[in-house]
Protein backbone atom coordinates (compact mmCIF):
# COMPACT_ATOMS: atom_id res chain seq x y z
CA UNK A 1 21.12 12.29 19.94
CA UNK A 2 18.80 15.13 20.22
CA UNK A 3 16.12 16.10 17.56
CA UNK A 4 15.36 19.50 17.92
CA UNK A 5 13.58 19.63 13.72
CA UNK A 6 11.55 17.50 11.39
CA UNK A 7 14.74 17.63 9.09
CA UNK A 8 16.94 16.30 11.85
CA UNK A 9 13.73 13.87 12.70
CA UNK A 10 13.80 12.36 8.61
CA UNK A 11 17.51 12.25 8.56
CA UNK A 12 17.70 9.88 11.80
CA UNK A 13 15.12 7.98 10.64
CA UNK A 14 16.55 7.43 6.98
CA UNK A 15 20.21 6.59 8.69
CA UNK A 16 18.16 3.15 9.76
CA UNK A 17 17.42 2.21 6.07
CA UNK A 18 18.92 -1.27 5.86
CA UNK A 19 21.80 -1.63 4.15
CA UNK A 20 20.73 -4.89 2.30
CA UNK A 21 16.83 -4.84 2.62
CA UNK A 22 16.30 -8.69 2.10
CA UNK A 23 19.03 -9.67 4.68
CA UNK A 24 17.27 -7.18 6.93
CA UNK A 25 13.48 -9.00 6.77
CA UNK A 26 14.40 -12.96 5.48
CA UNK A 27 13.85 -14.07 8.94
CA UNK A 28 12.81 -13.60 12.23
CA UNK A 29 15.05 -11.50 13.72
CA UNK A 30 13.23 -8.19 13.11
CA UNK A 31 10.36 -9.54 14.63
CA UNK A 32 11.92 -10.17 17.43
CA UNK A 33 13.38 -6.86 17.60
CA UNK A 34 10.40 -5.35 17.07
CA UNK A 35 8.83 -7.41 20.23
CA UNK A 36 11.35 -6.24 22.40
CA UNK A 37 11.21 -2.73 21.89
CA UNK A 38 7.10 -2.81 21.81
CA UNK A 39 7.72 -4.67 25.29
CA UNK A 40 9.64 -1.44 26.65
CA UNK A 41 6.93 1.12 25.42
CA UNK A 42 4.42 -1.31 27.07
CA UNK A 43 3.13 -3.21 24.68
CA UNK A 44 0.41 -0.23 22.95
CA UNK A 45 -0.22 -2.59 20.29
CA UNK A 46 -2.33 -5.27 22.45
CA UNK A 47 -3.98 -2.14 23.60
CA UNK A 48 -5.94 -1.42 21.32
CA UNK A 49 -8.56 -2.99 18.45
CA UNK A 50 -6.77 -3.55 15.37
CA UNK A 51 -7.58 -4.56 11.48
CA UNK A 52 -4.45 -5.73 10.15
CA UNK A 53 -3.79 -6.21 6.36
CA UNK A 54 -2.07 -7.91 3.73
CA UNK A 55 -2.08 -8.94 0.55
CA UNK A 56 0.58 -7.87 -2.63
CA UNK A 57 -2.19 -5.38 -4.41
CA UNK A 58 -4.72 -3.19 -2.66
CA UNK A 59 -3.43 -3.25 0.82
CA UNK A 60 -3.16 0.40 0.40
CA UNK A 61 -6.16 1.68 -0.80
CA UNK A 62 -8.04 -0.72 1.53
CA UNK A 63 -6.74 0.53 4.38
CA UNK A 64 -7.67 4.25 3.17
CA UNK A 65 -11.33 2.91 2.74
CA UNK A 66 -11.07 0.94 6.43
CA UNK A 67 -9.94 3.95 8.49
CA UNK A 68 -11.78 6.82 6.58
CA UNK A 69 -15.12 4.85 6.34
CA UNK A 70 -14.80 4.01 10.48
CA UNK A 71 -13.90 7.94 10.93
CA UNK A 72 -17.00 9.29 8.81
CA UNK A 73 -18.96 6.83 10.94
CA UNK A 74 -18.10 9.00 13.86
CA UNK A 75 -14.95 6.85 15.29
CA UNK A 76 -11.70 8.17 16.25
CA UNK A 77 -9.19 5.92 13.58
CA UNK A 78 -5.74 5.39 13.13
CA UNK A 79 -4.01 4.32 10.01
CA UNK A 80 -0.64 3.42 9.27
CA UNK A 81 -0.02 2.75 5.76
CA UNK A 82 3.64 2.43 3.52
CA UNK A 83 5.30 3.48 1.84
CA UNK A 84 4.40 7.36 1.46
CA UNK A 85 4.66 9.30 -1.25
CA UNK A 86 6.07 12.94 0.14
CA UNK A 87 7.11 11.96 3.25
CA UNK A 88 7.61 9.12 6.58
CA UNK A 89 4.45 11.23 8.06
CA UNK A 90 1.80 10.08 5.84
CA UNK A 91 2.47 6.84 6.80
CA UNK A 92 0.90 7.73 10.56
CA UNK A 93 -2.73 9.55 10.70
CA UNK A 94 -5.68 9.57 12.70
CA UNK A 95 -9.42 10.74 11.02
CA UNK A 96 -7.13 11.60 7.90
CA UNK A 97 -4.52 14.17 10.13
CA UNK A 98 -0.81 13.04 10.05
CA UNK A 99 1.07 13.45 12.68
CA UNK A 100 2.50 16.57 13.39
CA UNK A 101 6.48 17.67 12.86
CA UNK A 102 6.33 18.26 16.66
CA UNK A 103 5.33 15.37 17.70
CA UNK A 104 7.58 13.17 15.55
CA UNK A 105 10.53 14.22 16.85
CA UNK A 106 8.92 13.88 20.39
CA UNK A 107 8.80 10.45 19.91
CA UNK A 108 11.93 9.91 18.63
CA UNK A 109 13.51 11.78 21.32
CA UNK A 110 11.83 10.15 24.10
CA UNK A 111 12.57 6.21 21.79
CA UNK A 112 16.14 6.97 21.96
CA UNK A 113 16.98 5.03 25.67
CA UNK A 114 15.08 2.33 23.99
CA UNK A 115 16.65 1.76 20.67
CA UNK A 116 19.66 1.73 22.55
CA UNK A 117 19.03 -0.98 24.45
CA UNK A 118 17.22 -2.92 21.60
CA UNK A 119 19.92 -2.38 19.14
CA UNK A 120 22.23 -4.41 21.89
CA UNK A 121 20.18 -7.39 21.74
CA UNK A 122 22.05 -8.70 18.70
CA UNK A 123 19.24 -9.12 16.65
CA UNK A 124 20.48 -6.03 14.39
CA UNK A 125 19.10 -2.50 14.70
CA UNK A 126 15.72 -1.60 14.01
CA UNK A 127 15.14 -0.44 10.62
CA UNK A 128 13.21 2.86 9.53
CA UNK A 129 10.21 0.79 8.75
CA UNK A 130 10.45 -0.61 12.47
CA UNK A 131 10.36 2.51 13.98
CA UNK A 132 7.83 3.91 12.13
CA UNK A 133 5.13 0.83 12.71
CA UNK A 134 6.65 1.07 16.91
CA UNK A 135 5.87 4.58 16.67
CA UNK A 136 2.44 4.26 14.91
CA UNK A 137 1.62 2.08 17.48
CA UNK A 138 2.64 4.10 20.74
CA UNK A 139 0.70 7.15 19.24
CA UNK A 140 -2.58 5.41 18.20
CA UNK A 141 -2.39 4.45 22.02
CA UNK A 142 -1.65 7.74 23.30
CA UNK A 143 -4.44 8.87 21.73
CA UNK A 144 -6.71 7.11 22.54
CA UNK A 145 -8.00 5.96 19.21
CA UNK A 146 -11.27 3.49 18.67
CA UNK A 147 -9.52 1.37 16.03
CA UNK A 148 -6.28 1.23 14.29
CA UNK A 149 -6.05 0.16 10.47
CA UNK A 150 -2.49 -1.03 10.09
CA UNK A 151 -1.08 -1.83 6.41
CA UNK A 152 1.55 -4.90 6.67
CA UNK A 153 5.05 -3.95 4.98
CA UNK A 154 6.26 -7.49 3.37
CA UNK A 155 4.87 -10.42 3.66
CA UNK A 156 2.98 -11.26 7.32
CA UNK A 157 5.24 -14.08 8.51
CA UNK A 158 7.95 -11.71 9.79
CA UNK A 159 6.92 -8.27 8.81
CA UNK A 160 7.05 -5.50 12.13
CA UNK A 161 2.93 -5.27 11.80
CA UNK A 162 2.84 -9.24 12.86
CA UNK A 163 3.40 -8.01 16.55
CA UNK A 164 -0.29 -8.04 17.43
CA UNK A 165 -1.47 -11.12 19.64
CA UNK A 166 -5.31 -9.62 20.43
CA UNK A 167 -7.50 -12.25 19.53
CA UNK A 168 -10.43 -9.82 18.32
CA UNK A 169 -7.97 -8.67 16.00
CA UNK A 170 -9.58 -8.42 12.32
CA UNK A 171 -7.57 -9.58 9.51
CA UNK A 172 -7.99 -8.37 5.65
CA UNK A 173 -6.42 -10.34 2.92
CA UNK A 174 -6.20 -8.68 -0.66
CA UNK A 175 -5.21 -9.91 -3.96
CA UNK A 176 -2.20 -12.16 -3.57
CA UNK A 177 0.05 -12.61 -6.52
CA UNK A 178 4.12 -12.93 -6.84
CA UNK A 179 6.32 -10.15 -5.18
CA UNK A 180 9.02 -9.94 -3.42
CA UNK A 181 9.74 -13.49 -4.08
CA UNK A 182 13.53 -13.28 -2.59
CA UNK A 183 11.94 -13.14 0.33
CA UNK A 184 8.38 -15.00 0.55
CA UNK A 185 9.24 -18.11 -1.84
CA UNK A 186 8.72 -18.30 -5.50
CA UNK A 187 5.52 -19.78 -5.60
CA UNK A 188 1.88 -18.55 -4.16
CA UNK A 189 1.68 -21.29 -1.91
CA UNK A 190 4.89 -20.11 -0.19
CA UNK A 191 3.88 -16.57 -0.25
CA UNK A 192 0.65 -16.92 0.75
CA UNK A 193 1.87 -18.83 3.92
CA UNK A 194 3.98 -15.90 4.76
CA UNK A 195 0.94 -13.30 4.17
CA UNK A 196 -1.97 -15.72 6.06
CA UNK A 197 0.58 -15.63 9.12
CA UNK A 198 -0.69 -12.78 10.54
CA UNK A 199 -3.88 -14.38 12.09
CA UNK A 200 -3.11 -14.92 15.83
CA UNK A 201 -5.58 -17.86 17.47
CA UNK A 202 -9.12 -16.51 17.49
CA UNK A 203 -8.85 -14.10 15.08
CA UNK A 204 -11.88 -13.34 12.07
CA UNK A 205 -10.19 -13.02 8.66
CA UNK A 206 -12.18 -11.21 5.86
CA UNK A 207 -10.42 -12.29 2.34
CA UNK A 208 -11.34 -11.16 -1.36
CA UNK A 209 -11.50 -14.03 -4.21
CA UNK A 210 -8.16 -15.68 -4.37
CA UNK A 211 -6.77 -18.17 -6.80
CA UNK A 212 -6.85 -22.00 -5.65
CA UNK A 213 -3.70 -22.38 -4.20
CA UNK A 214 -3.74 -19.41 -2.67
CA UNK A 215 -7.19 -20.17 -0.96
CA UNK A 216 -6.14 -23.30 0.19
CA UNK A 217 -3.09 -22.13 1.55
CA UNK A 218 -5.07 -19.66 3.50
CA UNK A 219 -7.67 -22.07 4.82
CA UNK A 220 -4.84 -24.21 6.07
CA UNK A 221 -3.25 -21.66 8.00
CA UNK A 222 -6.24 -20.53 9.36
CA UNK A 223 -7.34 -24.43 10.38
CA UNK A 224 -4.24 -24.41 12.24
CA UNK A 225 -4.75 -20.94 14.08
CA UNK A 226 -8.22 -22.27 15.02
CA UNK A 227 -9.00 -18.87 12.98
CA UNK A 228 -12.66 -18.10 11.12
CA UNK A 229 -12.14 -16.35 7.39
CA UNK A 230 -14.92 -15.74 4.67
CA UNK A 231 -14.36 -14.96 1.17
CA UNK A 232 -15.47 -12.83 -0.59
CA UNK A 233 -16.56 -12.49 -4.83
CA UNK A 234 -17.72 -10.53 -7.48
CA UNK A 235 -21.00 -12.93 -7.82
CA UNK A 236 -21.90 -12.56 -4.26
CA UNK A 237 -20.77 -9.77 -2.60
CA UNK A 238 -20.53 -6.96 -5.22
CA UNK A 239 -21.51 -6.67 -8.78
CA UNK A 240 -22.48 -4.74 -11.56
CA UNK A 241 -19.43 -2.59 -11.80
CA UNK A 242 -19.08 0.32 -14.14
CA UNK A 243 -15.68 2.11 -14.24
CA UNK A 244 -15.88 6.36 -15.55
CA UNK A 245 -13.23 8.35 -15.68
CA UNK A 246 -13.94 10.08 -12.58
CA UNK A 247 -15.73 7.52 -10.57
CA UNK A 248 -17.11 3.54 -9.84
CA UNK A 249 -20.22 2.39 -9.07
CA UNK A 250 -21.17 -1.10 -8.25
CA UNK A 251 -23.79 -3.07 -6.25
CA UNK A 252 -22.89 -4.25 -2.50
CA UNK A 253 -23.51 -7.31 -0.35
CA UNK A 254 -22.57 -8.44 2.52
CA UNK A 255 -24.57 -10.73 5.13
CA UNK A 256 -27.57 -7.91 6.35
CA UNK A 257 -25.78 -5.08 4.24
CA UNK A 258 -27.36 -4.03 0.72
CA UNK A 259 -25.97 -0.89 -0.88
CA UNK A 260 -27.36 -0.91 -4.42
CA UNK A 261 -25.48 1.53 -7.17
CA UNK A 262 -22.97 2.38 -4.86
CA UNK A 263 -20.62 5.18 -6.18
CA UNK A 264 -16.89 6.10 -5.34
CA UNK A 265 -14.81 8.90 -6.16
CA UNK A 266 -11.96 6.60 -7.47
CA UNK A 267 -11.56 4.48 -10.49
CA UNK A 268 -10.75 1.23 -11.65
CA UNK A 269 -12.61 -1.94 -11.48
CA UNK A 270 -9.86 -3.42 -8.57
CA UNK A 271 -11.25 -0.23 -6.37
CA UNK A 272 -14.39 -1.69 -6.46
CA UNK A 273 -13.11 -4.91 -5.50
CA UNK A 274 -10.90 -3.02 -2.63
CA UNK A 275 -14.23 -0.84 -1.31
CA UNK A 276 -15.73 -4.10 -1.06
CA UNK A 277 -13.38 -5.47 0.96
CA UNK A 278 -13.03 -2.51 3.64
CA UNK A 279 -17.24 -2.57 3.48
CA UNK A 280 -16.87 -6.12 4.35
CA UNK A 281 -14.66 -4.80 7.26
CA UNK A 282 -17.11 -2.54 8.55
CA UNK A 283 -20.25 -4.93 8.68
CA UNK A 284 -18.20 -7.33 10.51
CA UNK A 285 -17.03 -4.57 13.16
CA UNK A 286 -20.71 -2.95 13.39
CA UNK A 287 -22.11 -6.98 14.17
CA UNK A 288 -18.76 -7.60 16.57
CA UNK A 289 -18.72 -4.31 18.52
CA UNK A 290 -22.72 -3.68 18.34
CA UNK A 291 -22.58 -0.16 16.42
CA UNK A 292 -25.12 0.92 13.52
CA UNK A 293 -23.99 1.89 10.42
CA UNK A 294 -25.10 4.76 8.58
CA UNK A 295 -25.74 4.04 4.85
CA UNK A 296 -25.95 8.01 4.01
CA UNK A 297 -22.34 8.57 5.87
CA UNK A 298 -20.70 5.71 3.72
CA UNK A 299 -22.39 7.12 0.70
CA UNK A 300 -21.31 11.05 1.41
CA UNK A 301 -17.78 9.66 2.36
CA UNK A 302 -17.61 7.50 -0.66
CA UNK A 303 -18.17 10.11 -3.22
CA UNK A 304 -15.50 12.22 -2.48
CA UNK A 305 -12.84 9.90 -1.12
CA UNK A 306 -9.06 10.79 -2.25
CA UNK A 307 -6.78 7.76 -2.78
CA UNK A 308 -3.15 9.27 -3.84
CA UNK A 309 -1.73 8.15 -6.27
CA UNK A 310 -3.67 4.93 -6.96
CA UNK A 311 -5.35 5.47 -10.61
CA UNK A 312 -5.27 9.45 -9.39
CA UNK A 313 -6.11 11.55 -12.51
CA UNK A 314 -4.96 15.26 -12.00
CA UNK A 315 -5.04 17.80 -14.60
CA UNK A 316 -2.13 20.06 -15.63
CA UNK A 317 -2.21 22.83 -18.19
CA UNK A 318 -5.24 21.15 -20.05
CA UNK A 319 -3.34 17.72 -19.89
CA UNK A 320 -4.56 14.79 -18.22
CA UNK A 321 -2.07 12.56 -16.01
CA UNK A 322 -2.53 9.78 -14.44
CA UNK A 323 -0.35 8.31 -11.57
CA UNK A 324 -0.67 5.05 -10.32
CA UNK A 325 1.86 3.19 -7.67
CA UNK A 326 1.63 -0.40 -9.84
CA UNK A 327 5.04 -2.08 -9.47
CA UNK A 328 4.79 -5.62 -9.84
CA UNK A 329 2.78 -7.85 -13.08
CA UNK A 330 -0.64 -7.84 -11.09
CA UNK A 331 -0.85 -4.26 -10.03
CA UNK A 332 0.12 -3.47 -13.76
CA UNK A 333 -2.18 -5.73 -14.74
CA UNK A 334 -4.82 -4.38 -12.76
CA UNK A 335 -3.84 -1.00 -14.10
CA UNK A 336 -4.50 -1.56 -17.83
CA UNK A 337 -6.99 -3.53 -17.70
CA UNK A 338 -8.78 -0.63 -15.92
CA UNK A 339 -7.41 1.88 -18.41
CA UNK A 340 -9.05 0.11 -21.15
CA UNK A 341 -12.54 -0.09 -20.03
CA UNK A 342 -12.39 3.63 -18.73
CA UNK A 343 -10.96 4.64 -21.79
CA UNK A 344 -11.74 2.08 -24.56
CA UNK A 345 -9.81 1.86 -27.85
CA UNK A 346 -7.53 4.80 -26.25
CA UNK A 347 -3.45 4.39 -26.18
CA UNK A 348 -0.99 6.27 -23.80
CA UNK A 349 2.30 8.05 -23.32
CA UNK A 350 3.75 6.10 -20.22
CA UNK A 351 6.86 8.09 -18.12
CA UNK A 352 8.24 4.54 -16.31
CA UNK A 353 10.81 3.79 -13.59
CA UNK A 354 10.45 0.20 -12.29
CA UNK A 355 12.69 -0.83 -9.32
CA UNK A 356 15.02 -3.69 -9.51
CA UNK A 357 14.25 -7.25 -8.21
CA UNK A 358 10.69 -7.66 -10.22
CA UNK A 359 9.27 -9.40 -12.67
CA UNK A 360 10.17 -7.00 -15.46
CA UNK A 361 9.41 -8.91 -18.43
CA UNK A 362 5.93 -9.11 -17.19
CA UNK A 363 5.30 -5.91 -16.29
CA UNK A 364 6.15 -4.31 -19.75
CA UNK A 365 4.01 -6.89 -20.81
CA UNK A 366 0.67 -5.41 -19.73
CA UNK A 367 2.10 -1.94 -20.90
CA UNK A 368 2.64 -2.20 -24.46
CA UNK A 369 -1.02 -3.41 -24.86
CA UNK A 370 -1.85 0.34 -24.60
CA UNK A 371 1.38 2.31 -25.00
CA UNK A 372 2.17 5.15 -27.89
CA UNK A 373 5.71 5.99 -26.08
CA UNK A 374 7.05 4.99 -23.33
CA UNK A 375 9.42 7.82 -21.45
CA UNK A 376 12.11 5.37 -19.54
CA UNK A 377 13.70 7.65 -16.56
CA UNK A 378 16.02 6.95 -13.46
CA UNK A 379 15.84 8.18 -10.13
CA UNK A 380 18.66 10.76 -8.35
CA UNK A 381 18.18 9.87 -4.67
CA UNK A 382 18.08 6.04 -6.53
CA UNK A 383 21.59 6.48 -8.35
CA UNK A 384 23.32 7.32 -5.06
CA UNK A 385 22.73 4.38 -3.36
CA UNK A 386 25.79 1.67 -3.11
CA UNK A 387 23.04 -0.67 -4.77
CA UNK A 388 20.85 -0.31 -7.36
CA UNK A 389 17.30 -0.05 -6.39
CA UNK A 390 15.85 1.06 -9.79
CA UNK A 391 16.53 -1.17 -13.18
CA UNK A 392 18.60 0.43 -15.90
CA UNK A 393 16.47 2.24 -18.34
CA UNK A 394 19.05 0.87 -20.97
CA UNK A 395 18.02 -2.84 -19.89
CA UNK A 396 14.41 -1.77 -20.06
CA UNK A 397 14.61 -0.38 -23.31
CA UNK A 398 16.07 -4.03 -24.33
CA UNK A 399 13.27 -5.69 -23.19
CA UNK A 400 11.03 -3.34 -25.09
CA UNK A 401 12.48 -3.96 -28.16
CA UNK A 402 12.27 -7.71 -27.65
CA UNK A 403 8.60 -7.51 -27.25
CA UNK A 404 9.14 -5.26 -30.45
CA UNK A 405 8.07 -2.29 -29.42
CA UNK A 406 10.13 0.56 -30.55
CA UNK A 407 8.43 3.86 -29.24
CA UNK A 408 11.31 4.23 -26.30
CA UNK A 409 13.15 7.40 -24.81
CA UNK A 410 15.65 6.90 -22.59
CA UNK A 411 16.25 10.23 -20.29
CA UNK A 412 17.77 9.71 -17.26
CA UNK A 413 17.53 13.28 -15.71
CA UNK A 414 13.62 13.31 -14.15
CA UNK A 415 13.02 16.82 -14.58
CA UNK A 416 14.05 16.09 -17.96
CA UNK A 417 12.07 13.48 -18.79
CA UNK A 418 8.87 15.11 -17.04
CA UNK A 419 8.97 17.77 -19.43
CA UNK A 420 9.41 15.77 -22.79
CA UNK A 421 6.57 13.53 -21.66
CA UNK A 422 4.20 16.37 -20.95
CA UNK A 423 4.94 17.82 -24.53
CA UNK A 424 3.10 14.31 -25.99
CA UNK A 425 -0.38 14.78 -27.45
CA UNK A 426 -1.87 11.36 -25.65
CA UNK A 427 -3.00 10.87 -22.10
CA UNK A 428 0.34 10.22 -19.58
CA UNK A 429 0.46 7.41 -17.06
CA UNK A 430 3.08 7.94 -14.59
CA UNK A 431 3.48 4.79 -13.15
CA UNK A 432 6.03 1.80 -12.33
CA UNK A 433 6.42 2.64 -8.18
CA UNK A 434 5.20 5.19 -5.54
CA UNK A 435 8.64 5.57 -5.34
CA UNK A 436 8.79 7.39 -8.37
CA UNK A 437 5.37 9.28 -7.40
CA UNK A 438 6.64 11.09 -4.54
CA UNK A 439 9.63 12.21 -6.43
CA UNK A 440 7.73 13.30 -9.07
CA UNK A 441 5.27 15.22 -7.10
CA UNK A 442 7.30 18.08 -6.03
CA UNK A 443 8.06 18.83 -10.22
CA UNK A 444 4.04 18.53 -11.23
CA UNK A 445 3.38 21.21 -8.23
CA UNK A 446 5.77 23.90 -9.51
CA UNK A 447 5.43 23.08 -13.07
CA UNK A 448 5.85 25.47 -15.96
CA UNK A 449 5.19 24.06 -19.19
């Protein structure tokens, strides 16, 4: 199939969405077909310097921080993230510029004979995420990036990004909690094992502070893999955190780097943690790869960073709206904790949709602490699928009622739900899924109240 334009490319990619997500990622078949395909491409992932990021919460923000910090220091830097908010091009960028529509199409046309060969290997068809991951690796290699920052998809062990055997790879592990338990296991130890298995022999790994069970698991895997691990924490590496509506300020220290009153254009205590993990990575790379860190450039960049969909505050017709893709209990807890600190004693309206196979009750328990009214909606694309991927609004409403919270309203039509929610007097928080933010974005862009 010849792909002549970006619309055709998106259709081609989305036809590769797995019919059964759990089955597509439940074993090593996906990783094996990924490695087979990359071998046909000449193994580009082994020819570039990579920072590989896993975790349950904060992966995307940390990836943004690392890649943009490296770019600000003058290094050509690739970034692969997932999921996207608007379209798949967001998942692949170099120096803050997304891959072009033309290049995206050209790669897919070049890939097609190799896709056909891979599909015949009885390992299953390459999925949309696997193709985009391979495209990112190939794009970064062809463009001779200095560094490639790669965010893992699901877990680590069988994830499509776990195809890099280079001993010089730097691994970063963000906060680990309970998510994707149908794939990764129902204990923190099992989940942590999956994520820690991105470590390859000789790799350096830097992790944020973790619960004891998670930390022990990471250390066990590191010993097996002959890797070194450093854990950063709030006491020794970042302190005096101050959260405001438009910024977060903190002190940072890691080895020989010491920045006082560092200010980032991102709000939330969790962003201080993510930023410090990224800064620790930069400090390690500067020593390992022998380059100097320009503190002025670091400060200037962080003062203007924009991370879409992570406690993103916008104003629409004099109304404050907060967009956050929190989709599990750990992320929602971080969001609610930050909102309490930034807006003390404040209640919020929520526009909410939550994906299936999440810990719904735990998620909404965090929300009710600061909720004034909650609008429950559904997503049009999601309703077209054979298997429902979002929780039915009525089911969510019943859970809220069990928690003695009755200020809920179901409006399944997303555009109408947004219109009603925007009429509320309180700050509106739109959350529950990055997919929801992607659907809502076009409505907000052209909205007239």
